Protein backbone atom coordinates (compact mmCIF):
# COMPACT_ATOMS: atom_id res chain seq x y z
CA UNK A 1 -62.47 65.75 42.36
CA UNK A 2 -60.93 62.10 41.69
CA UNK A 3 -57.77 61.43 39.55
CA UNK A 4 -60.08 59.94 37.14
CA UNK A 5 -61.96 62.57 35.94
CA UNK A 6 -58.96 65.62 36.26
CA UNK A 7 -56.87 62.57 34.06
CA UNK A 8 -59.06 62.23 31.16
CA UNK A 9 -59.53 65.05 28.30
CA UNK A 10 -60.17 63.16 24.94
CA UNK A 11 -62.34 60.81 22.96
CA UNK A 12 -59.84 58.31 23.50
CA UNK A 13 -60.99 57.78 27.53
CA UNK A 14 -64.43 57.50 26.12
CA UNK A 15 -67.21 54.70 25.90
CA UNK A 16 -68.63 53.62 22.28
CA UNK A 17 -71.98 54.50 23.31
CA UNK A 18 -73.46 54.19 19.69
CA UNK A 19 -73.31 52.02 16.44
CA UNK A 20 -71.62 52.32 12.98
CA UNK A 21 -74.44 49.51 11.87
CA UNK A 22 -77.68 49.44 10.72
CA UNK A 23 -78.48 46.23 13.11
CA UNK A 24 -80.96 47.34 15.78
CA UNK A 25 -84.23 48.42 15.47
CA UNK A 26 -85.99 51.18 16.32
CA UNK A 27 -89.73 50.33 17.00
CA UNK A 28 -91.72 53.58 16.61
CA UNK A 29 -95.54 53.74 17.97
CA UNK A 30 -98.35 54.37 16.00
CA UNK A 31 -100.05 56.30 18.52
CA UNK A 32 -102.63 58.07 15.82
CA UNK A 33 -105.05 55.98 13.40
CA UNK A 34 -107.05 58.20 11.43
CA UNK A 35 -110.81 57.25 12.02
CA UNK A 36 -109.41 55.26 15.08
CA UNK A 37 -110.02 56.31 18.62
CA UNK A 38 -107.33 55.74 20.83
CA UNK A 39 -107.51 53.13 23.53
CA UNK A 40 -104.97 53.71 26.65
CA UNK A 41 -103.58 50.56 28.58
CA UNK A 42 -102.16 50.70 31.58
CA UNK A 43 -99.36 47.77 31.93
CA UNK A 44 -97.53 47.66 34.37
CA UNK A 45 -98.73 51.28 35.09
CA UNK A 46 -97.54 52.43 32.47
CA UNK A 47 -99.43 53.70 30.07
CA UNK A 48 -99.97 52.38 26.43
CA UNK A 49 -101.73 53.72 23.48
CA UNK A 50 -103.97 51.00 21.28
CA UNK A 51 -106.50 50.39 19.12
CA UNK A 52 -110.23 48.79 19.20
CA UNK A 53 -111.47 46.50 16.14
CA UNK A 54 -114.35 43.90 16.49
CA UNK A 55 -115.20 41.42 13.50
CA UNK A 56 -117.16 44.11 12.43
CA UNK A 57 -114.90 46.66 12.63
CA UNK A 58 -111.74 46.64 11.40
CA UNK A 59 -108.81 48.67 11.35
CA UNK A 60 -107.42 50.70 8.67
CA UNK A 61 -104.06 52.47 7.73
CA UNK A 62 -101.32 53.52 5.24
CA UNK A 63 -98.02 52.79 6.16
CA UNK A 64 -94.88 53.84 3.25
CA UNK A 65 -92.22 50.59 3.03
CA UNK A 66 -89.93 49.24 3.62
CA UNK A 67 -90.27 48.36 7.06
CA UNK A 68 -91.87 45.95 9.60
CA UNK A 69 -94.83 46.23 10.95
CA UNK A 70 -95.19 44.99 14.71
CA UNK A 71 -98.52 43.50 16.39
CA UNK A 72 -99.45 43.11 19.94
CA UNK A 73 -103.11 42.50 20.09
CA UNK A 74 -104.50 42.07 23.55
CA UNK A 75 -108.61 40.43 24.07
CA UNK A 76 -111.26 42.19 25.88
CA UNK A 77 -112.64 39.70 28.41
CA UNK A 78 -115.66 41.66 29.34
CA UNK A 79 -118.42 39.18 29.78
CA UNK A 80 -115.11 35.96 30.10
CA UNK A 81 -112.44 37.12 32.58
CA UNK A 82 -111.72 33.94 34.25
CA UNK A 83 -111.99 31.91 30.77
CA UNK A 84 -109.29 31.71 27.73
CA UNK A 85 -110.66 32.98 24.91
CA UNK A 86 -109.11 32.00 20.86
CA UNK A 87 -108.85 35.10 18.20
CA UNK A 88 -108.08 35.51 14.59
CA UNK A 89 -105.84 37.92 13.69
CA UNK A 90 -104.91 39.11 9.82
CA UNK A 91 -103.98 41.97 7.95
CA UNK A 92 -104.34 42.14 4.86
CA UNK A 93 -103.97 44.50 1.52
CA UNK A 94 -106.66 44.40 -0.42
CA UNK A 95 -107.78 41.03 -1.28
CA UNK A 96 -103.88 39.88 -0.04
CA UNK A 97 -103.36 38.03 3.62
CA UNK A 98 -99.95 39.03 4.42
CA UNK A 99 -99.77 37.97 8.04
CA UNK A 100 -103.03 35.35 9.33
CA UNK A 101 -102.70 35.24 13.24
CA UNK A 102 -104.41 32.42 15.04
CA UNK A 103 -103.75 32.48 19.10
CA UNK A 104 -105.12 32.33 22.02
CA UNK A 105 -104.83 34.00 26.00
CA UNK A 106 -105.54 34.14 28.59
CA UNK A 107 -106.42 37.75 31.67
CA UNK A 108 -103.36 39.40 32.35
CA UNK A 109 -103.00 40.21 35.59
CA UNK A 110 -100.77 43.66 34.59
CA UNK A 111 -103.24 45.43 31.72
CA UNK A 112 -106.08 47.11 32.23
CA UNK A 113 -108.23 49.92 30.41
CA UNK A 114 -107.32 53.09 32.16
CA UNK A 115 -110.16 54.35 34.40
CA UNK A 116 -112.51 50.54 33.59
CA UNK A 117 -112.27 47.67 35.10
CA UNK A 118 -112.75 45.64 31.90
CA UNK A 119 -110.81 42.03 32.13
CA UNK A 120 -107.85 42.05 28.93
CA UNK A 121 -105.82 39.13 27.86
CA UNK A 122 -101.86 38.99 27.45
CA UNK A 123 -100.65 40.70 25.12
CA UNK A 124 -99.57 38.53 21.78
CA UNK A 125 -97.07 39.40 19.11
CA UNK A 126 -96.95 39.49 15.49
CA UNK A 127 -94.99 40.47 13.38
CA UNK A 128 -95.42 41.71 9.59
CA UNK A 129 -92.45 42.70 6.24
CA UNK A 130 -93.79 46.10 4.27
CA UNK A 131 -92.15 46.15 1.17
CA UNK A 132 -90.90 49.27 -0.15
CA UNK A 133 -94.23 51.73 -1.48
CA UNK A 134 -97.19 52.99 -0.66
CA UNK A 135 -99.40 50.52 1.29
CA UNK A 136 -103.13 50.74 2.47
CA UNK A 137 -103.98 47.73 5.09
CA UNK A 138 -106.52 46.29 7.24
CA UNK A 139 -106.67 44.39 10.05
CA UNK A 140 -109.62 42.50 10.79
CA UNK A 141 -110.08 39.91 13.74
CA UNK A 142 -111.92 36.77 14.14
CA UNK A 143 -113.58 35.28 17.66
CA UNK A 144 -113.40 37.62 20.28
CA UNK A 145 -113.35 42.14 20.27
CA UNK A 146 -109.05 43.30 20.44
CA UNK A 147 -107.19 46.15 21.27
CA UNK A 148 -103.91 46.33 19.08
CA UNK A 149 -100.93 48.64 19.39
CA UNK A 150 -98.99 49.06 16.09
CA UNK A 151 -95.19 49.41 15.77
CA UNK A 152 -93.66 49.66 13.14
CA UNK A 153 -89.84 50.40 12.36
CA UNK A 154 -87.91 51.14 8.76
CA UNK A 155 -84.14 50.50 8.01
CA UNK A 156 -81.67 52.69 10.02
CA UNK A 157 -79.32 54.74 7.61
CA UNK A 158 -75.98 53.54 8.27
CA UNK A 159 -74.23 56.17 11.43
CA UNK A 160 -70.98 57.32 12.84
CA UNK A 161 -70.59 55.69 15.91
CA UNK A 162 -70.11 58.09 19.10
CA UNK A 163 -67.55 58.44 21.01
CA UNK A 164 -68.29 59.58 24.91
CA UNK A 165 -65.58 62.34 26.24
CA UNK A 166 -64.52 62.76 30.08
CA UNK A 167 -64.32 66.46 31.74
CA UNK A 168 -60.53 67.28 32.69
CA UNK A 169 -62.91 70.38 35.06
CA UNK A 170 -66.01 69.26 36.61
CA UNK A 171 -67.52 69.53 40.59
CA UNK A 172 -68.56 65.69 40.14
CA UNK A 173 -69.86 62.97 38.41
CA UNK A 174 -72.88 61.41 37.63
CA UNK A 175 -74.01 58.12 36.76
CA UNK A 176 -77.55 58.24 34.79
CA UNK A 177 -79.39 54.78 34.32
CA UNK A 178 -82.20 54.38 32.00
CA UNK A 179 -83.18 51.08 30.14
CA UNK A 180 -80.34 48.51 30.72
CA UNK A 181 -77.71 51.47 30.25
CA UNK A 182 -75.52 53.26 32.45
CA UNK A 183 -74.36 57.01 31.20
CA UNK A 184 -72.02 59.14 33.03
CA UNK A 185 -73.19 62.72 33.75
CA UNK A 186 -70.84 65.91 34.77
CA UNK A 187 -72.21 68.23 36.95
CA UNK A 188 -72.84 72.15 36.18
CA UNK A 189 -73.45 75.56 38.12
CA UNK A 190 -73.11 78.50 38.64
CA UNK A 191 -69.37 79.71 38.25
CA UNK A 192 -68.82 76.01 38.28
CA UNK A 193 -68.29 75.26 34.39
CA UNK A 194 -67.67 71.45 33.08
CA UNK A 195 -64.67 72.21 31.31
CA UNK A 196 -63.67 69.50 28.01
CA UNK A 197 -60.67 69.98 25.71
CA UNK A 198 -61.37 68.44 22.10
CA UNK A 199 -59.63 68.85 18.25
CA UNK A 200 -61.70 69.53 15.86
CA UNK A 201 -62.86 70.39 13.36
CA UNK A 202 -65.58 68.56 15.01
CA UNK A 203 -69.12 68.54 16.13
CA UNK A 204 -69.74 68.48 19.79
CA UNK A 205 -73.34 66.77 21.03
CA UNK A 206 -73.84 67.29 24.39
CA UNK A 207 -77.11 66.16 26.18
CA UNK A 208 -78.29 68.27 29.39
CA UNK A 209 -80.33 67.42 31.94
CA UNK A 210 -82.04 70.14 34.73
CA UNK A 211 -81.25 68.46 38.11
CA UNK A 212 -84.90 68.59 40.48
CA UNK A 213 -84.57 68.98 44.42
CA UNK A 214 -88.24 68.22 46.13
CA UNK A 215 -89.27 71.70 45.61
CA UNK A 216 -89.61 71.86 41.86
CA UNK A 217 -92.93 70.92 40.23
CA UNK A 218 -94.13 71.16 36.75
CA UNK A 219 -92.57 72.02 34.01
CA UNK A 220 -88.70 74.03 34.60
CA UNK A 221 -87.15 76.48 32.52
CA UNK A 222 -82.46 76.08 32.61
CA UNK A 223 -80.82 77.99 31.05
CA UNK A 224 -76.37 76.85 29.74
CA UNK A 225 -73.73 79.00 28.33
CA UNK A 226 -71.29 77.48 25.74
CA UNK A 227 -68.00 79.02 25.79
CA UNK A 228 -65.30 78.15 23.23
CA UNK A 229 -61.34 79.37 23.95
CA UNK A 230 -62.70 82.02 27.07
CA UNK A 231 -65.15 82.83 24.65
CA UNK A 232 -69.27 82.82 24.95
CA UNK A 233 -70.36 81.26 21.75
CA UNK A 234 -73.85 80.23 22.40
CA UNK A 235 -76.72 80.25 24.82
CA UNK A 236 -79.62 78.46 25.51
CA UNK A 237 -82.99 77.99 27.20
CA UNK A 238 -84.26 75.03 27.85
CA UNK A 239 -87.60 74.60 29.42
CA UNK A 240 -88.50 70.09 30.39
CA UNK A 241 -89.81 67.88 33.13
CA UNK A 242 -88.86 65.09 34.94
CA UNK A 243 -87.53 62.25 33.83
CA UNK A 244 -90.01 58.61 34.22
CA UNK A 245 -87.40 56.17 32.61
CA UNK A 246 -84.15 57.86 34.08
CA UNK A 247 -82.76 58.56 37.61
CA UNK A 248 -79.71 59.81 39.59
CA UNK A 249 -78.04 56.07 40.84
CA UNK A 250 -75.69 58.62 42.95
CA UNK A 251 -77.97 61.86 43.88
CA UNK A 252 -80.70 60.82 46.76
CA UNK A 253 -82.10 64.03 46.31
CA UNK A 254 -82.17 64.57 43.26
CA UNK A 255 -84.05 63.59 40.38
CA UNK A 256 -83.22 63.67 36.60
CA UNK A 257 -85.46 65.83 33.60
CA UNK A 258 -86.02 64.13 30.79
CA UNK A 259 -83.01 64.84 28.21
CA UNK A 260 -81.89 67.95 26.24
CA UNK A 261 -79.48 68.21 23.41
CA UNK A 262 -77.62 70.85 21.71
CA UNK A 263 -75.12 70.56 18.93
CA UNK A 264 -71.77 72.83 18.77
CA UNK A 265 -69.57 73.43 15.58
CA UNK A 266 -65.39 72.85 16.43
CA UNK A 267 -63.48 74.09 14.02
CA UNK A 268 -60.52 73.03 12.91
CA UNK A 269 -57.66 72.67 16.05
CA UNK A 270 -57.57 72.43 19.68
CA UNK A 271 -60.38 73.81 21.56
CA UNK A 272 -61.08 74.23 24.94
CA UNK A 273 -65.39 73.71 25.62
CA UNK A 274 -66.57 74.97 28.46
CA UNK A 275 -70.55 74.33 29.39
CA UNK A 276 -71.60 76.56 32.60
CA UNK A 277 -75.16 76.61 33.95
CA UNK A 278 -76.33 80.64 33.41
CA UNK A 279 -79.84 80.08 35.71
CA UNK A 280 -81.15 78.49 38.17
CA UNK A 281 -79.21 80.50 39.78
CA UNK A 282 -79.31 78.11 42.86
CA UNK A 283 -79.14 75.49 40.57
CA UNK A 284 -77.63 72.17 38.81
CA UNK A 285 -77.83 70.45 35.86
CA UNK A 286 -76.10 67.71 34.33
CA UNK A 287 -74.27 67.45 30.34
CA UNK A 288 -72.71 64.89 28.59
CA UNK A 289 -70.29 65.85 25.95
CA UNK A 290 -70.39 63.13 22.37
CA UNK A 291 -68.37 63.45 19.26
CA UNK A 292 -68.46 61.16 16.31
CA UNK A 293 -65.45 58.60 16.38
CA UNK A 294 -62.49 60.01 14.16
CA UNK A 295 -62.14 57.84 11.27
CA UNK A 296 -58.39 56.35 10.94
CA UNK A 297 -57.25 55.67 7.22
CA UNK A 298 -59.80 57.29 4.92
CA UNK A 299 -56.88 59.59 3.88
CA UNK A 300 -53.68 59.63 1.87
C-alpha cells in the first residue's frame, strides 16, 4: 500500500468533484411521448431514442417550464441516400411559433435506424427557451420526414460542493474512467474493508461498483456491510450489471459495474467508518466516498 493511501485521512486532501453553482445544464432525454412511437437509432453503435414526424403528422408534447428544450433532428433519406435534403422544423405553442429552424443535411456515416438500412441525415440541433408554467408544444416539419430527439434541461438547484475522501486503509486503489473524468476508487473485499476517518456531523455518500470477472454474466448481486467505530450499522444489498460508460484504467482483468449509492449519516465528533464486501465471498468491489464540503465562516 502506498504512503499516499495510508497518509490521507480526510477531506482536505480530497478532490472538489461537484460545483456549488447552478451553471452547467443537465440534459434529460425525453424518450416517451404519449401517442407517438419511439424509434431507436444507433449513433456510432450507441442507442438513442428518436420520434418520427412528417409534414402530415407533427409531434406534440406537454412541458413544465422554465427550462430549455434541445431538438436534435435527422432527415430520413429513404429514397435519396446520396442527396442533400433541406427542411424546415418549427416549434409552436398554439398559433405562436417559438422557434423556426431551416437547415439541410447530407447522409450520416455513423447513424442508422436499428434493424433497418434506411439512410439518415447528419444531426442538426436547435434550442428553445421555455418560460415558466405548463406548455403544449407542437413540432412540425416541411421538406422532409424527420426523426427528432428531444432533450430538456431545467434550472439546477444550488448544490453544496462535495469532496472525496481518502481512506487510511484499503486493499488497493483503482481509477475509474467515465466520460472525461478519472475518479479514484478503493477496493473492498471480504475481511478486507476500506477504513476512513471522518469528522461529523455529516452525511457520507458511498458510491459502489462491483468488479465483474470473465465468468460473470448478466445481473449480479452483491452486499456491503458498513460499520462506524467498530459497530455494524448498515447492510446494503444491490443487483447490478456491467457499465457501458465506465472502465477501470488499471484493472485489465475486471469490468466495472454500473454504480450504486448509499448515504450514511454520522453524528458529532470523530468517527472511523468501515466498508466491507459481504457477498460474493470471493469477489471484490470498489467504493468512492464523499461528504459535503465543510462550510467555514457561517458561525459567529
